[in-house]
Amino acid sequence: MPSTSTFCMVVHTFKTGTKDSWWGSVMEYLNDEKKMAQMSKQQEEAGFFNHTFMPEENDSFMWCIWELKEGQSVEEFQKWIDSKPMSEGGPSLNKEGKLCFNNSIYKLKMCPNGFTPKY
């Protein structure tokens, strides 16, 4: 059965002066299985699933592939990704609540090859 989800590539570009605080914040999640599981659960409850996280070698930006559950719009996703702190599942704010990225969202035509839709 074809997926009814929407797939997006997000390019996260660091805002000036936020890189170190964001990495410090996210490492608390990446190094703690329970925190990471809670973050993933909150993302899924919001209707979004991160399939892959790909930081660029020079640490200037990263790419992610996100799946939006049927009924979720790209506009809703943009609002969510730009506003939710990590403690609520959001990936773009540091623990002080500062937005660390300019998030550019590109809607994909289909599920990328090799990915199994979550929804």
C-alpha atoms as a PDB file:
ATOM      1  CA  MET A   1       0.000   0.000   0.000  1.00  0.00           C
ATOM      2  CA  PRO A   2       1.466   3.400  -0.958  1.00  0.00           C
ATOM      3  CA  SER A   3       2.219   5.799   1.878  1.00  0.00           C
ATOM      4  CA  THR A   4      -0.152   8.710   2.426  1.00  0.00           C
ATOM      5  CA  SER A   5       2.567  10.596   4.289  1.00  0.00           C
ATOM      6  CA  THR A   6       4.478  13.619   3.054  1.00  0.00           C
ATOM      7  CA  PHE A   7       8.264  13.435   3.021  1.00  0.00           C
ATOM      8  CA  CYS A   8      10.488  16.472   3.431  1.00  0.00           C
ATOM      9  CA  MET A   9      14.176  17.214   3.408  1.00  0.00           C
ATOM     10  CA  VAL A  10      15.121  19.838   5.964  1.00  0.00           C
ATOM     11  CA  VAL A  11      18.332  21.823   5.730  1.00  0.00           C
ATOM     12  CA  HIS A  12      19.161  23.131   9.211  1.00  0.00           C
ATOM     13  CA  THR A  13      21.625  26.035   8.998  1.00  0.00           C
ATOM     14  CA  PHE A  14      23.038  27.311  12.278  1.00  0.00           C
ATOM     15  CA  LYS A  15      22.204  30.856  13.312  1.00  0.00           C
ATOM     16  CA  THR A  16      25.243  32.899  14.343  1.00  0.00           C
ATOM     17  CA  GLY A  17      26.574  31.976  17.762  1.00  0.00           C
ATOM     18  CA  THR A  18      24.270  28.996  18.387  1.00  0.00           C
ATOM     19  CA  LYS A  19      26.291  25.982  17.247  1.00  0.00           C
ATOM     20  CA  ASP A  20      28.022  25.156  20.534  1.00  0.00           C
ATOM     21  CA  SER A  21      24.936  25.584  22.707  1.00  0.00           C
ATOM     22  CA  TRP A  22      22.833  23.440  20.337  1.00  0.00           C
ATOM     23  CA  TRP A  23      25.395  20.629  20.213  1.00  0.00           C
ATOM     24  CA  GLY A  24      25.676  20.767  24.001  1.00  0.00           C
ATOM     25  CA  SER A  25      21.903  20.500  24.309  1.00  0.00           C
ATOM     26  CA  VAL A  26      21.419  17.734  21.752  1.00  0.00           C
ATOM     27  CA  MET A  27      24.258  15.612  23.103  1.00  0.00           C
ATOM     28  CA  GLU A  28      22.311  15.307  26.366  1.00  0.00           C
ATOM     29  CA  TYR A  29      19.645  13.515  24.298  1.00  0.00           C
ATOM     30  CA  LEU A  30      21.922  11.534  22.000  1.00  0.00           C
ATOM     31  CA  ASN A  31      23.826  10.190  25.023  1.00  0.00           C
ATOM     32  CA  ASP A  32      20.716   9.295  27.031  1.00  0.00           C
ATOM     33  CA  GLU A  33      18.557   6.507  25.627  1.00  0.00           C
ATOM     34  CA  LYS A  34      15.519   7.459  27.751  1.00  0.00           C
ATOM     35  CA  LYS A  35      15.630  11.131  26.769  1.00  0.00           C
ATOM     36  CA  MET A  36      16.037  10.206  23.106  1.00  0.00           C
ATOM     37  CA  ALA A  37      13.120   7.765  23.265  1.00  0.00           C
ATOM     38  CA  GLN A  38      10.944  10.435  24.906  1.00  0.00           C
ATOM     39  CA  MET A  39      11.899  12.996  22.252  1.00  0.00           C
ATOM     40  CA  SER A  40      11.089  10.530  19.460  1.00  0.00           C
ATOM     41  CA  LYS A  41       7.750   9.691  21.099  1.00  0.00           C
ATOM     42  CA  GLN A  42       6.838  13.381  21.327  1.00  0.00           C
ATOM     43  CA  GLN A  43       7.755  13.898  17.680  1.00  0.00           C
ATOM     44  CA  GLU A  44       5.575  10.975  16.624  1.00  0.00           C
ATOM     45  CA  GLU A  45       2.673  12.200  18.776  1.00  0.00           C
ATOM     46  CA  ALA A  46       2.943  15.539  16.959  1.00  0.00           C
ATOM     47  CA  GLY A  47       2.715  13.654  13.634  1.00  0.00           C
ATOM     48  CA  PHE A  48       6.358  13.923  12.572  1.00  0.00           C
ATOM     49  CA  PHE A  49       9.023  11.236  12.221  1.00  0.00           C
ATOM     50  CA  ASN A  50      12.719  11.878  11.665  1.00  0.00           C
ATOM     51  CA  HIS A  51      14.101   9.143   9.418  1.00  0.00           C
ATOM     52  CA  THR A  52      17.656  10.414   9.283  1.00  0.00           C
ATOM     53  CA  PHE A  53      19.949  13.047  10.773  1.00  0.00           C
ATOM     54  CA  MET A  54      23.019  13.924   8.687  1.00  0.00           C
ATOM     55  CA  PRO A  55      25.393  16.571  10.061  1.00  0.00           C
ATOM     56  CA  GLU A  56      27.701  18.060   7.462  1.00  0.00           C
ATOM     57  CA  GLU A  57      31.434  17.420   7.945  1.00  0.00           C
ATOM     58  CA  ASN A  58      32.351  21.060   8.639  1.00  0.00           C
ATOM     59  CA  ASP A  59      29.536  21.399  11.172  1.00  0.00           C
ATOM     60  CA  SER A  60      27.930  24.332   9.360  1.00  0.00           C
ATOM     61  CA  PHE A  61      24.572  22.708   8.707  1.00  0.00           C
ATOM     62  CA  MET A  62      22.789  19.375   8.616  1.00  0.00           C
ATOM     63  CA  TRP A  63      20.217  17.585   6.517  1.00  0.00           C
ATOM     64  CA  CYS A  64      17.330  15.540   7.831  1.00  0.00           C
ATOM     65  CA  ILE A  65      14.610  13.506   6.181  1.00  0.00           C
ATOM     66  CA  TRP A  66      11.285  13.903   7.971  1.00  0.00           C
ATOM     67  CA  GLU A  67       7.976  12.177   7.397  1.00  0.00           C
ATOM     68  CA  LEU A  68       4.751  14.070   8.043  1.00  0.00           C
ATOM     69  CA  LYS A  69       1.758  11.969   8.966  1.00  0.00           C
ATOM     70  CA  GLU A  70      -1.258  12.246   6.676  1.00  0.00           C
ATOM     71  CA  GLY A  71      -3.135  15.431   7.510  1.00  0.00           C
ATOM     72  CA  GLN A  72      -0.020  17.356   8.593  1.00  0.00           C
ATOM     73  CA  SER A  73       0.934  20.232   6.310  1.00  0.00           C
ATOM     74  CA  VAL A  74       4.400  21.538   5.538  1.00  0.00           C
ATOM     75  CA  GLU A  75       3.305  24.846   7.098  1.00  0.00           C
ATOM     76  CA  GLU A  76       2.334  23.094  10.346  1.00  0.00           C
ATOM     77  CA  PHE A  77       5.644  21.267  10.323  1.00  0.00           C
ATOM     78  CA  GLN A  78       7.561  24.534   9.778  1.00  0.00           C
ATOM     79  CA  LYS A  79       5.765  26.129  12.734  1.00  0.00           C
ATOM     80  CA  TRP A  80       6.455  23.071  14.933  1.00  0.00           C
ATOM     81  CA  ILE A  81      10.130  22.686  13.999  1.00  0.00           C
ATOM     82  CA  ASP A  82      10.768  26.395  14.600  1.00  0.00           C
ATOM     83  CA  SER A  83       9.054  26.588  17.989  1.00  0.00           C
ATOM     84  CA  LYS A  84       9.206  23.402  20.076  1.00  0.00           C
ATOM     85  CA  PRO A  85      11.997  22.976  22.624  1.00  0.00           C
ATOM     86  CA  MET A  86      13.837  19.652  22.882  1.00  0.00           C
ATOM     87  CA  SER A  87      11.949  18.891  26.085  1.00  0.00           C
ATOM     88  CA  GLU A  88       8.783  18.814  23.909  1.00  0.00           C
ATOM     89  CA  GLY A  89      10.331  16.840  21.049  1.00  0.00           C
ATOM     90  CA  GLY A  90      11.513  19.772  18.958  1.00  0.00           C
ATOM     91  CA  PRO A  91      14.952  19.528  17.378  1.00  0.00           C
ATOM     92  CA  SER A  92      15.811  23.192  16.711  1.00  0.00           C
ATOM     93  CA  LEU A  93      15.924  24.979  20.069  1.00  0.00           C
ATOM     94  CA  ASN A  94      18.706  24.690  22.624  1.00  0.00           C
ATOM     95  CA  LYS A  95      17.922  24.027  26.286  1.00  0.00           C
ATOM     96  CA  GLU A  96      17.671  27.780  26.905  1.00  0.00           C
ATOM     97  CA  GLY A  97      14.815  27.896  24.377  1.00  0.00           C
ATOM     98  CA  LYS A  98      16.723  29.781  21.683  1.00  0.00           C
ATOM     99  CA  LEU A  99      16.046  28.862  18.050  1.00  0.00           C
ATOM    100  CA  CYS A 100      19.430  27.706  16.729  1.00  0.00           C
ATOM    101  CA  PHE A 101      18.617  27.094  13.060  1.00  0.00           C
ATOM    102  CA  ASN A 102      17.184  28.565   9.957  1.00  0.00           C
ATOM    103  CA  ASN A 103      15.109  25.570   8.831  1.00  0.00           C
ATOM    104  CA  SER A 104      14.561  25.300   5.088  1.00  0.00           C
ATOM    105  CA  ILE A 105      11.977  22.644   4.249  1.00  0.00           C
ATOM    106  CA  TYR A 106      11.782  20.995   0.837  1.00  0.00           C
ATOM    107  CA  LYS A 107       8.777  18.794   0.111  1.00  0.00           C
ATOM    108  CA  LEU A 108       9.796  15.623  -1.709  1.00  0.00           C
ATOM    109  CA  LYS A 109       7.768  14.065  -4.517  1.00  0.00           C
ATOM    110  CA  MET A 110       7.823  10.621  -2.921  1.00  0.00           C
ATOM    111  CA  CYS A 111       9.256   8.478  -0.175  1.00  0.00           C
ATOM    112  CA  PRO A 112      13.036   8.359  -0.714  1.00  0.00           C
ATOM    113  CA  ASN A 113      14.456   5.080  -2.001  1.00  0.00           C
ATOM    114  CA  GLY A 114      15.423   2.741   0.816  1.00  0.00           C
ATOM    115  CA  PHE A 115      13.119   4.324   3.393  1.00  0.00           C
ATOM    116  CA  THR A 116      10.184   2.476   4.918  1.00  0.00           C
ATOM    117  CA  PRO A 117       7.316   4.858   5.680  1.00  0.00           C
ATOM    118  CA  LYS A 118       6.450   5.125   9.368  1.00  0.00           C
ATOM    119  CA  TYR A 119       2.828   6.126   8.770  1.00  0.00           C
END
